[in-house]
């Protein structure tokens, strides 16, 4: 079971596992919601931003009605670096390249 997700894991209906309604194909414990799966597939196929927004709003209506998961909160992970660390890239997940130490 997932205990947390980073923002990149839930930022679109395409990748938000909590909105999966895959029934017997879903991860154990996830709900069966053919409507959510249909809307997510429509969202992924849509190329027009206005249509995607409309589908996302429909997904929200179904999700609020069916409650496929309950987020228990959110937190910000504090990060600190020594003064001589350079090149840290801002990204939703930890990436350890482009980093150097200044003498």
PDB file of N, CA and C in Angstrom:
ATOM      1  N   UNK A   1       0.842  -1.178   0.000  1.00  0.00           N
ATOM      2  CA  UNK A   1       0.000   0.000   0.000  1.00  0.00           C
ATOM      3  C   UNK A   1       0.885   1.239   0.000  1.00  0.00           C
ATOM      4  N   UNK A   2       0.473   2.256  -0.706  1.00  0.00           N
ATOM      5  CA  UNK A   2       1.246   3.493  -0.774  1.00  0.00           C
ATOM      6  C   UNK A   2       1.098   4.256   0.531  1.00  0.00           C
ATOM      7  N   UNK A   3       2.201   4.761   1.035  1.00  0.00           N
ATOM      8  CA  UNK A   3       2.118   5.581   2.233  1.00  0.00           C
ATOM      9  C   UNK A   3       2.274   7.058   1.897  1.00  0.00           C
ATOM     10  N   UNK A   4       2.881   7.334   0.752  1.00  0.00           N
ATOM     11  CA  UNK A   4       2.952   8.727   0.306  1.00  0.00           C
ATOM     12  C   UNK A   4       3.295   8.777  -1.177  1.00  0.00           C
ATOM     13  N   UNK A   5       2.987   9.899  -1.781  1.00  0.00           N
ATOM     14  CA  UNK A   5       3.318  10.152  -3.177  1.00  0.00           C
ATOM     15  C   UNK A   5       3.956  11.520  -3.262  1.00  0.00           C
ATOM     16  N   UNK A   6       4.840  11.717  -4.226  1.00  0.00           N
ATOM     17  CA  UNK A   6       5.343  13.058  -4.485  1.00  0.00           C
ATOM     18  C   UNK A   6       4.397  13.700  -5.493  1.00  0.00           C
ATOM     19  N   UNK A   7       4.482  15.006  -5.650  1.00  0.00           N
ATOM     20  CA  UNK A   7       3.534  15.715  -6.513  1.00  0.00           C
ATOM     21  C   UNK A   7       3.531  15.179  -7.937  1.00  0.00           C
ATOM     22  N   UNK A   8       4.677  14.772  -8.454  1.00  0.00           N
ATOM     23  CA  UNK A   8       4.730  14.244  -9.818  1.00  0.00           C
ATOM     24  C   UNK A   8       3.936  12.951  -9.962  1.00  0.00           C
ATOM     25  N   UNK A   9       3.704  12.235  -8.855  1.00  0.00           N
ATOM     26  CA  UNK A   9       2.953  10.978  -8.895  1.00  0.00           C
ATOM     27  C   UNK A   9       1.445  11.182  -9.008  1.00  0.00           C
ATOM     28  N   UNK A  10       0.978  12.384  -8.718  1.00  0.00           N
ATOM     29  CA  UNK A  10      -0.475  12.611  -8.686  1.00  0.00           C
ATOM     30  C   UNK A  10      -0.917  13.853  -9.462  1.00  0.00           C
ATOM     31  N   UNK A  11      -0.019  14.419 -10.253  1.00  0.00           N
ATOM     32  CA  UNK A  11      -0.329  15.713 -10.861  1.00  0.00           C
ATOM     33  C   UNK A  11      -1.259  15.655 -12.063  1.00  0.00           C
ATOM     34  N   UNK A  12      -1.490  14.496 -12.651  1.00  0.00           N
ATOM     35  CA  UNK A  12      -2.448  14.375 -13.741  1.00  0.00           C
ATOM     36  C   UNK A  12      -3.268  13.101 -13.544  1.00  0.00           C
ATOM     37  N   UNK A  13      -4.448  13.045 -14.134  1.00  0.00           N
ATOM     38  CA  UNK A  13      -5.239  11.812 -14.043  1.00  0.00           C
ATOM     39  C   UNK A  13      -4.528  10.605 -14.652  1.00  0.00           C
ATOM     40  N   UNK A  14      -3.613  10.832 -15.569  1.00  0.00           N
ATOM     41  CA  UNK A  14      -2.907   9.726 -16.214  1.00  0.00           C
ATOM     42  C   UNK A  14      -2.016   8.961 -15.242  1.00  0.00           C
ATOM     43  N   UNK A  15      -1.426   9.640 -14.286  1.00  0.00           N
ATOM     44  CA  UNK A  15      -0.467   8.998 -13.378  1.00  0.00           C
ATOM     45  C   UNK A  15      -0.961   8.860 -11.943  1.00  0.00           C
ATOM     46  N   UNK A  16      -2.104   9.430 -11.618  1.00  0.00           N
ATOM     47  CA  UNK A  16      -2.608   9.393 -10.249  1.00  0.00           C
ATOM     48  C   UNK A  16      -3.188   8.009  -9.947  1.00  0.00           C
ATOM     49  N   UNK A  17      -2.409   7.181  -9.275  1.00  0.00           N
ATOM     50  CA  UNK A  17      -2.829   5.817  -8.951  1.00  0.00           C
ATOM     51  C   UNK A  17      -4.081   5.801  -8.095  1.00  0.00           C
ATOM     52  N   UNK A  18      -4.260   6.799  -7.272  1.00  0.00           N
ATOM     53  CA  UNK A  18      -5.443   6.859  -6.420  1.00  0.00           C
ATOM     54  C   UNK A  18      -6.737   6.964  -7.198  1.00  0.00           C
ATOM     55  N   UNK A  19      -6.663   7.435  -8.430  1.00  0.00           N
ATOM     56  CA  UNK A  19      -7.861   7.548  -9.258  1.00  0.00           C
ATOM     57  C   UNK A  19      -8.074   6.334 -10.148  1.00  0.00           C
ATOM     58  N   UNK A  20      -7.281   5.312  -9.951  1.00  0.00           N
ATOM     59  CA  UNK A  20      -7.435   4.096 -10.745  1.00  0.00           C
ATOM     60  C   UNK A  20      -8.672   3.342 -10.285  1.00  0.00           C
ATOM     61  N   UNK A  21      -9.478   2.935 -11.232  1.00  0.00           N
ATOM     62  CA  UNK A  21     -10.644   2.119 -10.911  1.00  0.00           C
ATOM     63  C   UNK A  21     -10.594   0.832 -11.694  1.00  0.00           C
ATOM     64  N   UNK A  22      -9.412   0.234 -11.780  1.00  0.00           N
ATOM     65  CA  UNK A  22      -9.138  -0.881 -12.672  1.00  0.00           C
ATOM     66  C   UNK A  22      -9.762  -2.213 -12.338  1.00  0.00           C
ATOM     67  N   UNK A  23     -10.590  -2.276 -11.315  1.00  0.00           N
ATOM     68  CA  UNK A  23     -11.276  -3.526 -10.942  1.00  0.00           C
ATOM     69  C   UNK A  23     -10.268  -4.657 -10.741  1.00  0.00           C
ATOM     70  N   UNK A  24     -10.409  -5.761 -11.472  1.00  0.00           N
ATOM     71  CA  UNK A  24      -9.527  -6.913 -11.260  1.00  0.00           C
ATOM     72  C   UNK A  24      -8.106  -6.675 -11.768  1.00  0.00           C
ATOM     73  N   UNK A  25      -7.890  -5.617 -12.541  1.00  0.00           N
ATOM     74  CA  UNK A  25      -6.547  -5.286 -13.024  1.00  0.00           C
ATOM     75  C   UNK A  25      -5.837  -4.288 -12.105  1.00  0.00           C
ATOM     76  N   UNK A  26      -6.548  -3.762 -11.141  1.00  0.00           N
ATOM     77  CA  UNK A  26      -5.986  -2.751 -10.237  1.00  0.00           C
ATOM     78  C   UNK A  26      -5.136  -3.413  -9.161  1.00  0.00           C
ATOM     79  N   UNK A  27      -4.375  -2.575  -8.481  1.00  0.00           N
ATOM     80  CA  UNK A  27      -3.591  -3.020  -7.348  1.00  0.00           C
ATOM     81  C   UNK A  27      -4.560  -3.487  -6.270  1.00  0.00           C
ATOM     82  N   UNK A  28      -4.213  -4.527  -5.507  1.00  0.00           N
ATOM     83  CA  UNK A  28      -5.135  -5.049  -4.508  1.00  0.00           C
ATOM     84  C   UNK A  28      -5.590  -3.942  -3.563  1.00  0.00           C
ATOM     85  N   UNK A  29      -6.865  -3.973  -3.249  1.00  0.00           N
ATOM     86  CA  UNK A  29      -7.423  -2.980  -2.338  1.00  0.00           C
ATOM     87  C   UNK A  29      -7.978  -1.747  -3.020  1.00  0.00           C
ATOM     88  N   UNK A  30      -7.608  -1.517  -4.290  1.00  0.00           N
ATOM     89  CA  UNK A  30      -8.148  -0.355  -4.991  1.00  0.00           C
ATOM     90  C   UNK A  30      -9.558  -0.648  -5.457  1.00  0.00           C
ATOM     91  N   UNK A  31     -10.369   0.390  -5.575  1.00  0.00           N
ATOM     92  CA  UNK A  31     -11.775   0.178  -5.930  1.00  0.00           C
ATOM     93  C   UNK A  31     -11.974  -0.200  -7.397  1.00  0.00           C
ATOM     94  N   UNK A  32     -13.173  -0.654  -7.666  1.00  0.00           N
ATOM     95  CA  UNK A  32     -13.581  -0.955  -9.039  1.00  0.00           C
ATOM     96  C   UNK A  32     -14.493   0.183  -9.493  1.00  0.00           C
ATOM     97  N   UNK A  33     -14.035   0.966 -10.455  1.00  0.00           N
ATOM     98  CA  UNK A  33     -14.824   2.073 -10.972  1.00  0.00           C
ATOM     99  C   UNK A  33     -14.624   2.178 -12.478  1.00  0.00           C
ATOM    100  N   UNK A  34     -15.450   1.479 -13.236  1.00  0.00           N
ATOM    101  CA  UNK A  34     -15.339   1.575 -14.695  1.00  0.00           C
ATOM    102  C   UNK A  34     -15.458   3.012 -15.196  1.00  0.00           C
ATOM    103  N   UNK A  35     -16.253   3.822 -14.503  1.00  0.00           N
ATOM    104  CA  UNK A  35     -16.426   5.224 -14.923  1.00  0.00           C
ATOM    105  C   UNK A  35     -15.122   6.007 -14.792  1.00  0.00           C
ATOM    106  N   UNK A  36     -14.414   5.827 -13.680  1.00  0.00           N
ATOM    107  CA  UNK A  36     -13.120   6.510 -13.512  1.00  0.00           C
ATOM    108  C   UNK A  36     -12.119   6.051 -14.563  1.00  0.00           C
ATOM    109  N   UNK A  37     -12.062   4.757 -14.805  1.00  0.00           N
ATOM    110  CA  UNK A  37     -11.124   4.253 -15.816  1.00  0.00           C
ATOM    111  C   UNK A  37     -11.456   4.792 -17.206  1.00  0.00           C
ATOM    112  N   UNK A  38     -12.732   4.864 -17.532  1.00  0.00           N
ATOM    113  CA  UNK A  38     -13.163   5.388 -18.832  1.00  0.00           C
ATOM    114  C   UNK A  38     -12.753   6.861 -18.973  1.00  0.00           C
ATOM    115  N   UNK A  39     -13.007   7.641 -17.933  1.00  0.00           N
ATOM    116  CA  UNK A  39     -12.666   9.066 -17.983  1.00  0.00           C
ATOM    117  C   UNK A  39     -11.158   9.284 -18.040  1.00  0.00           C
ATOM    118  N   UNK A  40     -10.391   8.504 -17.286  1.00  0.00           N
ATOM    119  CA  UNK A  40      -8.924   8.634 -17.337  1.00  0.00           C
ATOM    120  C   UNK A  40      -8.408   8.327 -18.737  1.00  0.00           C
ATOM    121  N   UNK A  41      -8.946   7.295 -19.373  1.00  0.00           N
ATOM    122  CA  UNK A  41      -8.534   6.950 -20.740  1.00  0.00           C
ATOM    123  C   UNK A  41      -8.906   8.071 -21.706  1.00  0.00           C
ATOM    124  N   UNK A  42     -10.084   8.654 -21.532  1.00  0.00           N
ATOM    125  CA  UNK A  42     -10.490   9.790 -22.375  1.00  0.00           C
ATOM    126  C   UNK A  42      -9.545  10.964 -22.174  1.00  0.00           C
ATOM    127  N   UNK A  43      -9.174  11.223 -20.921  1.00  0.00           N
ATOM    128  CA  UNK A  43      -8.273  12.342 -20.633  1.00  0.00           C
ATOM    129  C   UNK A  43      -6.936  12.140 -21.338  1.00  0.00           C
ATOM    130  N   UNK A  44      -6.427  10.904 -21.308  1.00  0.00           N
ATOM    131  CA  UNK A  44      -5.132  10.614 -21.931  1.00  0.00           C
ATOM    132  C   UNK A  44      -5.188  10.740 -23.456  1.00  0.00           C
ATOM    133  N   UNK A  45      -6.315  10.402 -24.049  1.00  0.00           N
ATOM    134  CA  UNK A  45      -6.442  10.497 -25.506  1.00  0.00           C
ATOM    135  C   UNK A  45      -6.728  11.917 -25.988  1.00  0.00           C
ATOM    136  N   UNK A  46      -7.291  12.740 -25.131  1.00  0.00           N
ATOM    137  CA  UNK A  46      -7.658  14.111 -25.535  1.00  0.00           C
ATOM    138  C   UNK A  46      -6.408  14.940 -25.805  1.00  0.00           C
ATOM    139  N   UNK A  47      -6.457  15.736 -26.857  1.00  0.00           N
ATOM    140  CA  UNK A  47      -5.320  16.599 -27.203  1.00  0.00           C
ATOM    141  C   UNK A  47      -5.645  18.070 -26.985  1.00  0.00           C
ATOM    142  N   UNK A  48      -6.905  18.403 -26.911  1.00  0.00           N
ATOM    143  CA  UNK A  48      -7.332  19.790 -26.709  1.00  0.00           C
ATOM    144  C   UNK A  48      -7.330  20.118 -25.215  1.00  0.00           C
ATOM    145  N   UNK A  49      -6.590  21.150 -24.803  1.00  0.00           N
ATOM    146  CA  UNK A  49      -6.531  21.485 -23.368  1.00  0.00           C
ATOM    147  C   UNK A  49      -7.904  21.777 -22.765  1.00  0.00           C
ATOM    148  N   UNK A  50      -8.788  22.400 -23.505  1.00  0.00           N
ATOM    149  CA  UNK A  50     -10.126  22.694 -22.981  1.00  0.00           C
ATOM    150  C   UNK A  50     -10.905  21.402 -22.735  1.00  0.00           C
ATOM    151  N   UNK A  51     -10.772  20.444 -23.634  1.00  0.00           N
ATOM    152  CA  UNK A  51     -11.447  19.151 -23.467  1.00  0.00           C
ATOM    153  C   UNK A  51     -10.844  18.404 -22.290  1.00  0.00           C
ATOM    154  N   UNK A  52      -9.522  18.459 -22.139  1.00  0.00           N
ATOM    155  CA  UNK A  52      -8.879  17.799 -20.991  1.00  0.00           C
ATOM    156  C   UNK A  52      -9.381  18.391 -19.675  1.00  0.00           C
ATOM    157  N   UNK A  53      -9.529  19.701 -19.651  1.00  0.00           N
ATOM    158  CA  UNK A  53     -10.028  20.348 -18.431  1.00  0.00           C
ATOM    159  C   UNK A  53     -11.438  19.870 -18.115  1.00  0.00           C
ATOM    160  N   UNK A  54     -12.269  19.770 -19.137  1.00  0.00           N
ATOM    161  CA  UNK A  54     -13.644  19.309 -18.953  1.00  0.00           C
ATOM    162  C   UNK A  54     -13.669  17.870 -18.417  1.00  0.00           C
ATOM    163  N   UNK A  55     -12.842  17.021 -18.980  1.00  0.00           N
ATOM    164  CA  UNK A  55     -12.777  15.628 -18.515  1.00  0.00           C
ATOM    165  C   UNK A  55     -12.244  15.563 -17.086  1.00  0.00           C
ATOM    166  N   UNK A  56     -11.228  16.377 -16.769  1.00  0.00           N
ATOM    167  CA  UNK A  56     -10.681  16.407 -15.404  1.00  0.00           C
ATOM    168  C   UNK A  56     -11.756  16.816 -14.397  1.00  0.00           C
ATOM    169  N   UNK A  57     -12.610  17.747 -14.782  1.00  0.00           N
ATOM    170  CA  UNK A  57     -13.704  18.150 -13.895  1.00  0.00           C
ATOM    171  C   UNK A  57     -14.681  16.997 -13.688  1.00  0.00           C
ATOM    172  N   UNK A  58     -14.939  16.223 -14.736  1.00  0.00           N
ATOM    173  CA  UNK A  58     -15.810  15.049 -14.601  1.00  0.00           C
ATOM    174  C   UNK A  58     -15.164  14.006 -13.691  1.00  0.00           C
ATOM    175  N   UNK A  59     -13.857  13.832 -13.823  1.00  0.00           N
ATOM    176  CA  UNK A  59     -13.137  12.893 -12.955  1.00  0.00           C
ATOM    177  C   UNK A  59     -13.278  13.317 -11.497  1.00  0.00           C
ATOM    178  N   UNK A  60     -13.158  14.615 -11.237  1.00  0.00           N
ATOM    179  CA  UNK A  60     -13.295  15.104  -9.865  1.00  0.00           C
ATOM    180  C   UNK A  60     -14.689  14.831  -9.313  1.00  0.00           C
ATOM    181  N   UNK A  61     -15.717  15.022 -10.130  1.00  0.00           N
ATOM    182  CA  UNK A  61     -17.087  14.765  -9.678  1.00  0.00           C
ATOM    183  C   UNK A  61     -17.247  13.299  -9.289  1.00  0.00           C
ATOM    184  N   UNK A  62     -16.770  12.401 -10.146  1.00  0.00           N
ATOM    185  CA  UNK A  62     -16.879  10.964  -9.855  1.00  0.00           C
ATOM    186  C   UNK A  62     -16.045  10.613  -8.615  1.00  0.00           C
ATOM    187  N   UNK A  63     -14.829  11.157  -8.522  1.00  0.00           N
ATOM    188  CA  UNK A  63     -13.960  10.854  -7.375  1.00  0.00           C
ATOM    189  C   UNK A  63     -14.569  11.351  -6.068  1.00  0.00           C
ATOM    190  N   UNK A  64     -15.177  12.529  -6.084  1.00  0.00           N
ATOM    191  CA  UNK A  64     -15.816  13.027  -4.856  1.00  0.00           C
ATOM    192  C   UNK A  64     -17.047  12.201  -4.498  1.00  0.00           C
ATOM    193  N   UNK A  65     -17.713  11.643  -5.504  1.00  0.00           N
ATOM    194  CA  UNK A  65     -18.889  10.813  -5.253  1.00  0.00           C
ATOM    195  C   UNK A  65     -18.493   9.431  -4.751  1.00  0.00           C
ATOM    196  N   UNK A  66     -17.484   8.823  -5.376  1.00  0.00           N
ATOM    197  CA  UNK A  66     -17.101   7.446  -5.044  1.00  0.00           C
ATOM    198  C   UNK A  66     -16.025   7.345  -3.961  1.00  0.00           C
ATOM    199  N   UNK A  67     -15.245   8.375  -3.741  1.00  0.00           N
ATOM    200  CA  UNK A  67     -14.162   8.434  -2.762  1.00  0.00           C
ATOM    201  C   UNK A  67     -13.222   7.224  -2.886  1.00  0.00           C
ATOM    202  N   UNK A  68     -12.437   7.165  -3.985  1.00  0.00           N
ATOM    203  CA  UNK A  68     -11.531   6.031  -4.168  1.00  0.00           C
ATOM    204  C   UNK A  68     -10.364   6.001  -3.175  1.00  0.00           C
ATOM    205  N   UNK A  69     -10.007   7.143  -2.621  1.00  0.00           N
ATOM    206  CA  UNK A  69      -8.970   7.194  -1.585  1.00  0.00           C
ATOM    207  C   UNK A  69      -9.139   8.475  -0.785  1.00  0.00           C
ATOM    208  N   UNK A  70      -8.539   8.510   0.378  1.00  0.00           N
ATOM    209  CA  UNK A  70      -8.627   9.685   1.244  1.00  0.00           C
ATOM    210  C   UNK A  70      -7.215  10.150   1.566  1.00  0.00           C
ATOM    211  N   UNK A  71      -6.824  11.330   1.089  1.00  0.00           N
ATOM    212  CA  UNK A  71      -5.505  11.850   1.461  1.00  0.00           C
ATOM    213  C   UNK A  71      -5.538  12.320   2.922  1.00  0.00           C
ATOM    214  N   UNK A  72      -4.604  11.823   3.704  1.00  0.00           N
ATOM    215  CA  UNK A  72      -4.591  12.130   5.129  1.00  0.00           C
ATOM    216  C   UNK A  72      -3.789  13.378   5.456  1.00  0.00           C
ATOM    217  N   UNK A  73      -3.191  13.995   4.464  1.00  0.00           N
ATOM    218  CA  UNK A  73      -2.443  15.208   4.720  1.00  0.00           C
ATOM    219  C   UNK A  73      -1.343  15.385   3.698  1.00  0.00           C
ATOM    220  N   UNK A  74      -0.585  16.420   3.894  1.00  0.00           N
ATOM    221  CA  UNK A  74       0.562  16.667   3.035  1.00  0.00           C
ATOM    222  C   UNK A  74       1.664  17.293   3.873  1.00  0.00           C
ATOM    223  N   UNK A  75       2.854  17.214   3.365  1.00  0.00           N
ATOM    224  CA  UNK A  75       3.975  17.792   4.093  1.00  0.00           C
ATOM    225  C   UNK A  75       5.014  18.290   3.093  1.00  0.00           C
ATOM    226  N   UNK A  76       5.838  19.158   3.539  1.00  0.00           N
ATOM    227  CA  UNK A  76       6.966  19.651   2.758  1.00  0.00           C
ATOM    228  C   UNK A  76       8.226  19.076   3.392  1.00  0.00           C
ATOM    229  N   UNK A  77       9.056  18.459   2.581  1.00  0.00           N
ATOM    230  CA  UNK A  77      10.295  17.886   3.085  1.00  0.00           C
ATOM    231  C   UNK A  77      11.364  18.969   3.107  1.00  0.00           C
ATOM    232  N   UNK A  78      11.796  19.412   4.281  1.00  0.00           N
ATOM    233  CA  UNK A  78      12.846  20.432   4.317  1.00  0.00           C
ATOM    234  C   UNK A  78      14.173  19.860   3.809  1.00  0.00           C
ATOM    235  N   UNK A  79      14.920  20.673   3.128  1.00  0.00           N
ATOM    236  CA  UNK A  79      16.209  20.262   2.590  1.00  0.00           C
ATOM    237  C   UNK A  79      17.226  21.345   2.892  1.00  0.00           C
ATOM    238  N   UNK A  80      18.398  20.949   3.290  1.00  0.00           N
ATOM    239  CA  UNK A  80      19.461  21.901   3.571  1.00  0.00           C
ATOM    240  C   UNK A  80      20.756  21.416   2.920  1.00  0.00           C
ATOM    241  N   UNK A  81      21.557  22.359   2.449  1.00  0.00           N
ATOM    242  CA  UNK A  81      22.836  22.046   1.818  1.00  0.00           C
ATOM    243  C   UNK A  81      23.905  22.948   2.426  1.00  0.00           C
ATOM    244  N   UNK A  82      25.118  22.438   2.493  1.00  0.00           N
ATOM    245  CA  UNK A  82      26.227  23.272   2.942  1.00  0.00           C
ATOM    246  C   UNK A  82      26.435  24.400   1.952  1.00  0.00           C
ATOM    247  N   UNK A  83      27.072  25.465   2.395  1.00  0.00           N
ATOM    248  CA  UNK A  83      27.288  26.639   1.543  1.00  0.00           C
ATOM    249  C   UNK A  83      28.121  26.343   0.306  1.00  0.00           C
ATOM    250  N   UNK A  84      28.944  25.321   0.346  1.00  0.00           N
ATOM    251  CA  UNK A  84      29.818  25.054  -0.796  1.00  0.00           C
ATOM    252  C   UNK A  84      29.231  24.038  -1.798  1.00  0.00           C
ATOM    253  N   UNK A  85      27.997  23.627  -1.617  1.00  0.00           N
ATOM    254  CA  UNK A  85      27.339  22.715  -2.562  1.00  0.00           C
ATOM    255  C   UNK A  85      26.706  23.545  -3.671  1.00  0.00           C
ATOM    256  N   UNK A  86      26.993  23.199  -4.909  1.00  0.00           N
ATOM    257  CA  UNK A  86      26.482  23.928  -6.073  1.00  0.00           C
ATOM    258  C   UNK A  86      25.796  22.967  -7.037  1.00  0.00           C
ATOM    259  N   UNK A  87      24.868  23.489  -7.823  1.00  0.00           N
ATOM    260  CA  UNK A  87      24.261  22.747  -8.913  1.00  0.00           C
ATOM    261  C   UNK A  87      23.091  21.858  -8.542  1.00  0.00           C
ATOM    262  N   UNK A  88      22.541  22.014  -7.339  1.00  0.00           N
ATOM    263  CA  UNK A  88      21.386  21.195  -6.957  1.00  0.00           C
ATOM    264  C   UNK A  88      20.196  21.622  -7.814  1.00  0.00           C
ATOM    265  N   UNK A  89      19.597  20.650  -8.492  1.00  0.00           N
ATOM    266  CA  UNK A  89      18.464  20.930  -9.366  1.00  0.00           C
ATOM    267  C   UNK A  89      17.159  20.830  -8.589  1.00  0.00           C
ATOM    268  N   UNK A  90      16.285  21.791  -8.795  1.00  0.00           N
ATOM    269  CA  UNK A  90      14.964  21.745  -8.150  1.00  0.00           C
ATOM    270  C   UNK A  90      14.080  20.805  -8.962  1.00  0.00           C
ATOM    271  N   UNK A  91      13.585  19.766  -8.302  1.00  0.00           N
ATOM    272  CA  UNK A  91      12.801  18.737  -8.973  1.00  0.00           C
ATOM    273  C   UNK A  91      11.928  18.062  -7.925  1.00  0.00           C
ATOM    274  N   UNK A  92      10.774  17.513  -8.295  1.00  0.00           N
ATOM    275  CA  UNK A  92       9.899  16.904  -7.281  1.00  0.00           C
ATOM    276  C   UNK A  92      10.490  15.681  -6.587  1.00  0.00           C
ATOM    277  N   UNK A  93      11.501  15.063  -7.175  1.00  0.00           N
ATOM    278  CA  UNK A  93      12.155  13.912  -6.555  1.00  0.00           C
ATOM    279  C   UNK A  93      13.647  14.210  -6.421  1.00  0.00           C
ATOM    280  N   UNK A  94      14.309  13.482  -5.567  1.00  0.00           N
ATOM    281  CA  UNK A  94      15.744  13.676  -5.385  1.00  0.00           C
ATOM    282  C   UNK A  94      16.491  13.170  -6.607  1.00  0.00           C
ATOM    283  N   UNK A  95      17.302  14.024  -7.189  1.00  0.00           N
ATOM    284  CA  UNK A  95      18.186  13.609  -8.282  1.00  0.00           C
ATOM    285  C   UNK A  95      19.595  14.042  -7.910  1.00  0.00           C
ATOM    286  N   UNK A  96      20.517  13.145  -8.071  1.00  0.00           N
ATOM    287  CA  UNK A  96      21.868  13.376  -7.563  1.00  0.00           C
ATOM    288  C   UNK A  96      22.881  13.561  -8.695  1.00  0.00           C
ATOM    289  N   UNK A  97      22.562  14.399  -9.664  1.00  0.00           N
ATOM    290  CA  UNK A  97      23.557  14.742 -10.660  1.00  0.00           C
ATOM    291  C   UNK A  97      23.606  16.255 -10.787  1.00  0.00           C
ATOM    292  N   UNK A  98      24.624  16.749 -11.441  1.00  0.00           N
ATOM    293  CA  UNK A  98      24.863  18.180 -11.610  1.00  0.00           C
ATOM    294  C   UNK A  98      25.381  18.855 -10.337  1.00  0.00           C
ATOM    295  N   UNK A  99      25.712  18.056  -9.330  1.00  0.00           N
ATOM    296  CA  UNK A  99      26.136  18.602  -8.045  1.00  0.00           C
ATOM    297  C   UNK A  99      27.661  18.672  -7.990  1.00  0.00           C
ATOM    298  N   UNK A 100      28.148  19.767  -7.433  1.00  0.00           N
ATOM    299  CA  UNK A 100      29.596  19.901  -7.254  1.00  0.00           C
ATOM    300  C   UNK A 100      29.851  20.614  -5.926  1.00  0.00           C
ATOM    301  N   UNK A 101      31.076  20.472  -5.474  1.00  0.00           N
ATOM    302  CA  UNK A 101      31.501  21.167  -4.258  1.00  0.00           C
ATOM    303  C   UNK A 101      32.446  22.282  -4.633  1.00  0.00           C
ATOM    304  N   UNK A 102      32.217  23.431  -4.110  1.00  0.00           N
ATOM    305  CA  UNK A 102      33.081  24.581  -4.337  1.00  0.00           C
ATOM    306  C   UNK A 102      34.177  24.549  -3.272  1.00  0.00           C
ATOM    307  N   UNK A 103      35.383  24.809  -3.691  1.00  0.00           N
ATOM    308  CA  UNK A 103      36.509  24.758  -2.755  1.00  0.00           C
ATOM    309  C   UNK A 103      36.478  25.874  -1.752  1.00  0.00           C
TER     310      UNK A 103
END
